Amino acid sequence: MAKQMAFYFDARACTACKACQAACMDRANLAEEARWRRIVQYGGGSWVPVGNLMVPNHVFNYALSISCMHCENPICVTVCPSTALYKRAEDGIVLVDPNKCIGCRYCEWACPYGAPQFDQVTGVMSKCDFCQDLLASGQNPACVDACVMRCLDYGDLSELRAKYGDFNEIAPLPKSDLTGPSFVVTPHKNAEVSGFETGKIINLPEEV
């Protein structure tokens, strides 16, 4: 079986500090609006009156650290008219060839994870490349090393599943059968399952 690089995330421990997001931006020298990895905060519930008090009614909130899922069936690759996006055979990492990209942004519109990012300066798409330069030199992805709560791990998908389980359908992410994401997550105790959401993304506008 071919190797498939994947990320693991522990939603129980994440404090939404965004150290992973900052490390990714620093390592790739990204513009402020480009976020290959980002923190998504998700929550729900309400407050209801009980006598003279307002009390919580199924109130919950948790954070996810997400990036490109390097999917088994990446929609971005399928819709790219110039074959600029491709899935590397040796490790399953999905990459962009900037020399082929025509900046049509089809991949950006198609990706359910918002992974491809349009570079306003170069006019082509960019996205998480799994820190392929760091991996090649035996180092960890920048986001993994930066996580102060050690929420992130990486490795071959089959090995991550053996270690952490195979759960990956956590709201607000889509159902996994859409693209086959290379992702494993340990859910927060209040996590909702993809397709059965009652909450919503609660990031402030400048954080989305």
Protein backbone atom coordinates (compact mmCIF):
# COMPACT_ATOMS: atom_id res chain seq x y z
CA MET A 1 0.00 0.00 0.00
CA ALA A 2 1.35 3.45 -0.93
CA LYS A 3 2.27 5.79 1.86
CA GLN A 4 -0.20 8.57 2.65
CA MET A 5 1.01 11.42 4.84
CA ALA A 6 -1.64 12.73 7.21
CA PHE A 7 -2.24 15.01 10.18
CA TYR A 8 -3.69 14.15 13.59
CA PHE A 9 -5.43 16.66 15.83
CA ASP A 10 -6.52 16.38 19.48
CA ALA A 11 -9.55 18.66 19.84
CA ARG A 12 -9.73 17.98 23.59
CA ALA A 13 -6.56 19.93 24.31
CA CYS A 14 -6.61 22.82 21.82
CA THR A 15 -6.86 26.27 23.41
CA ALA A 16 -7.10 28.14 20.09
CA CYS A 17 -3.82 29.94 20.80
CA LYS A 18 -3.05 29.97 17.03
CA ALA A 19 0.63 29.17 17.50
CA CYS A 20 0.30 26.58 14.71
CA GLN A 21 -1.25 29.16 12.41
CA ALA A 22 1.47 31.71 13.16
CA ALA A 23 4.26 29.16 12.68
CA CYS A 24 2.85 28.12 9.31
CA MET A 25 2.64 31.72 8.12
CA ASP A 26 6.18 32.42 9.31
CA ARG A 27 7.72 29.31 7.75
CA ALA A 28 6.06 29.90 4.37
CA ASN A 29 6.43 33.70 4.53
CA LEU A 30 2.72 34.13 3.87
CA ALA A 31 0.83 37.38 3.50
CA GLU A 32 -1.51 38.22 6.38
CA GLU A 33 -4.61 37.13 4.48
CA ALA A 34 -3.13 33.77 3.44
CA ARG A 35 -3.63 31.07 6.02
CA TRP A 36 -2.55 27.59 4.99
CA ARG A 37 -3.35 26.42 8.53
CA ARG A 38 -6.02 28.14 10.57
CA ILE A 39 -7.97 27.82 13.75
CA VAL A 40 -11.73 27.42 13.39
CA GLN A 41 -13.83 27.91 16.49
CA TYR A 42 -17.20 26.19 16.55
CA GLY A 43 -19.95 26.47 19.12
CA GLY A 44 -23.63 26.42 19.83
CA GLY A 45 -26.38 26.30 22.41
CA SER A 46 -28.30 29.14 23.98
CA TRP A 47 -29.14 30.90 27.21
CA VAL A 48 -32.66 30.53 28.60
CA PRO A 49 -34.46 32.38 31.40
CA VAL A 50 -35.03 30.53 34.63
CA GLY A 51 -36.70 32.86 37.09
CA ASN A 52 -34.55 35.97 37.28
CA LEU A 53 -31.49 34.22 35.88
CA MET A 54 -30.24 33.28 32.42
CA VAL A 55 -28.82 29.77 32.41
CA PRO A 56 -26.92 27.90 29.67
CA ASN A 57 -28.81 25.43 27.51
CA HIS A 58 -26.45 22.94 25.85
CA VAL A 59 -23.79 25.64 25.38
CA PHE A 60 -20.55 24.31 23.89
CA ASN A 61 -17.44 25.58 22.14
CA TYR A 62 -14.35 23.90 20.72
CA ALA A 63 -11.57 24.67 18.27
CA LEU A 64 -10.13 22.87 15.27
CA SER A 65 -6.74 23.36 13.66
CA ILE A 66 -7.20 22.62 9.97
CA SER A 67 -5.18 22.84 6.78
CA CYS A 68 -5.14 20.97 3.50
CA MET A 69 -6.33 17.41 4.16
CA HIS A 70 -4.22 15.90 1.34
CA CYS A 71 -7.30 13.93 0.43
CA GLU A 72 -7.53 10.47 -1.06
CA ASN A 73 -9.77 11.94 -3.76
CA PRO A 74 -8.84 15.64 -3.86
CA ILE A 75 -11.51 17.69 -5.60
CA CYS A 76 -8.99 20.46 -6.19
CA VAL A 77 -6.94 18.15 -8.42
CA THR A 78 -10.04 17.00 -10.29
CA VAL A 79 -11.25 20.51 -11.18
CA CYS A 80 -7.87 22.06 -12.05
CA PRO A 81 -7.91 22.71 -15.83
CA SER A 82 -4.15 23.15 -16.10
CA THR A 83 -3.04 20.12 -14.01
CA ALA A 84 -1.23 22.52 -11.67
CA LEU A 85 -2.57 20.65 -8.66
CA TYR A 86 -1.40 17.08 -8.28
CA LYS A 87 -1.13 14.33 -5.69
CA ARG A 88 2.44 13.13 -5.20
CA ALA A 89 2.69 9.38 -5.73
CA GLU A 90 5.31 8.59 -3.11
CA ASP A 91 3.54 10.12 -0.11
CA GLY A 92 0.09 11.37 -1.17
CA ILE A 93 0.87 15.03 -0.48
CA VAL A 94 -1.19 17.39 -2.67
CA LEU A 95 0.91 20.17 -4.20
CA VAL A 96 0.60 23.13 -6.56
CA ASP A 97 2.94 23.64 -9.51
CA PRO A 98 3.10 27.47 -9.76
CA ASN A 99 4.50 27.21 -13.28
CA LYS A 100 1.32 25.53 -14.48
CA CYS A 101 -1.24 27.45 -12.39
CA ILE A 102 -3.32 29.98 -14.36
CA GLY A 103 -4.98 31.52 -11.31
CA CYS A 104 -8.52 30.52 -12.30
CA ARG A 105 -9.33 29.73 -8.64
CA TYR A 106 -11.49 26.69 -9.50
CA CYS A 107 -9.66 24.73 -6.78
CA GLU A 108 -10.41 27.41 -4.21
CA TRP A 109 -14.12 27.25 -4.97
CA ALA A 110 -14.24 23.45 -5.05
CA CYS A 111 -12.26 22.58 -1.92
CA PRO A 112 -14.60 21.95 1.05
CA TYR A 113 -11.76 22.80 3.47
CA GLY A 114 -10.76 26.16 2.00
CA ALA A 115 -7.20 24.92 1.55
CA PRO A 116 -6.07 26.55 -1.73
CA GLN A 117 -5.28 30.25 -1.28
CA PHE A 118 -4.97 32.80 -4.09
CA ASP A 119 -1.73 34.77 -3.95
CA GLN A 120 -2.53 38.35 -4.96
CA VAL A 121 1.13 39.10 -5.68
CA THR A 122 2.01 36.12 -7.87
CA GLY A 123 -1.48 35.57 -9.32
CA VAL A 124 -1.37 31.82 -8.66
CA MET A 125 -2.68 29.47 -6.01
CA SER A 126 -0.79 28.34 -2.93
CA LYS A 127 -1.58 25.89 -0.14
CA CYS A 128 -0.18 23.72 2.64
CA ASP A 129 2.65 21.62 1.21
CA PHE A 130 3.12 19.58 4.39
CA CYS A 131 6.40 21.45 4.94
CA GLN A 132 7.95 19.17 2.35
CA ASP A 133 11.32 20.90 2.67
CA LEU A 134 11.40 20.24 6.42
CA LEU A 135 10.28 16.62 5.96
CA ALA A 136 13.06 16.09 3.41
CA SER A 137 15.63 17.16 6.01
CA GLY A 138 14.16 14.95 8.75
CA GLN A 139 12.32 17.73 10.57
CA ASN A 140 8.70 18.04 11.66
CA PRO A 141 6.12 20.30 10.00
CA ALA A 142 6.27 23.79 11.53
CA CYS A 143 2.73 23.61 12.89
CA VAL A 144 3.43 20.38 14.75
CA ASP A 145 6.50 21.75 16.51
CA ALA A 146 4.77 25.03 17.35
CA CYS A 147 1.75 23.54 19.14
CA VAL A 148 2.24 24.28 22.83
CA MET A 149 -0.44 21.77 23.86
CA ARG A 150 0.92 19.03 21.57
CA CYS A 151 -2.44 18.74 19.82
CA LEU A 152 -0.88 18.02 16.44
CA ASP A 153 0.91 14.96 15.14
CA TYR A 154 1.67 13.66 11.66
CA GLY A 155 2.75 10.51 9.88
CA ASP A 156 1.47 7.80 7.60
CA LEU A 157 -2.34 7.67 7.73
CA SER A 158 -2.48 3.97 8.55
CA GLU A 159 -0.06 4.46 11.46
CA LEU A 160 -2.02 7.42 12.82
CA ARG A 161 -5.23 5.41 12.66
CA ALA A 162 -3.59 2.53 14.49
CA LYS A 163 -2.42 4.93 17.20
CA TYR A 164 -5.39 7.30 17.53
CA GLY A 165 -8.38 5.64 15.82
CA ASP A 166 -10.04 6.56 12.55
CA PHE A 167 -12.53 9.27 13.54
CA ASN A 168 -12.49 12.29 11.21
CA GLU A 169 -16.08 13.47 10.89
CA ILE A 170 -16.20 16.38 13.30
CA ALA A 171 -18.35 19.48 12.74
CA PRO A 172 -18.03 21.86 10.99
CA LEU A 173 -15.97 19.71 8.60
CA PRO A 174 -17.90 17.94 5.82
CA LYS A 175 -18.60 14.21 5.70
CA SER A 176 -15.42 12.29 4.95
CA ASP A 177 -16.84 10.39 1.97
CA LEU A 178 -16.77 13.63 -0.02
CA THR A 179 -12.99 13.60 -0.54
CA GLY A 180 -11.45 11.01 1.79
CA PRO A 181 -9.41 13.41 3.97
CA SER A 182 -6.07 12.21 5.33
CA PHE A 183 -6.92 13.35 8.81
CA VAL A 184 -7.55 11.81 12.23
CA VAL A 185 -9.06 13.67 15.17
CA THR A 186 -9.73 12.90 18.80
CA PRO A 187 -12.98 14.79 19.38
CA HIS A 188 -13.74 17.27 22.13
CA LYS A 189 -16.24 15.88 24.65
CA ASN A 190 -18.90 18.22 23.25
CA ALA A 191 -18.00 17.72 19.61
CA GLU A 192 -20.74 17.36 17.04
CA VAL A 193 -20.51 14.89 14.17
CA SER A 194 -20.34 16.09 10.57
CA GLY A 195 -23.81 16.20 9.05
CA PHE A 196 -25.57 16.61 12.39
CA GLU A 197 -24.54 20.15 13.27
CA THR A 198 -26.54 22.41 15.56
CA GLY A 199 -23.77 24.96 16.11
CA LYS A 200 -21.93 27.39 13.86
CA ILE A 201 -18.47 28.82 13.21
CA ILE A 202 -17.99 31.63 15.70
CA ASN A 203 -14.68 33.16 14.62
CA LEU A 204 -14.68 36.94 14.51
CA PRO A 205 -14.78 38.28 10.92
CA GLU A 206 -11.06 39.14 10.85
CA GLU A 207 -10.22 35.62 12.06
CA VAL A 208 -12.01 33.64 9.36
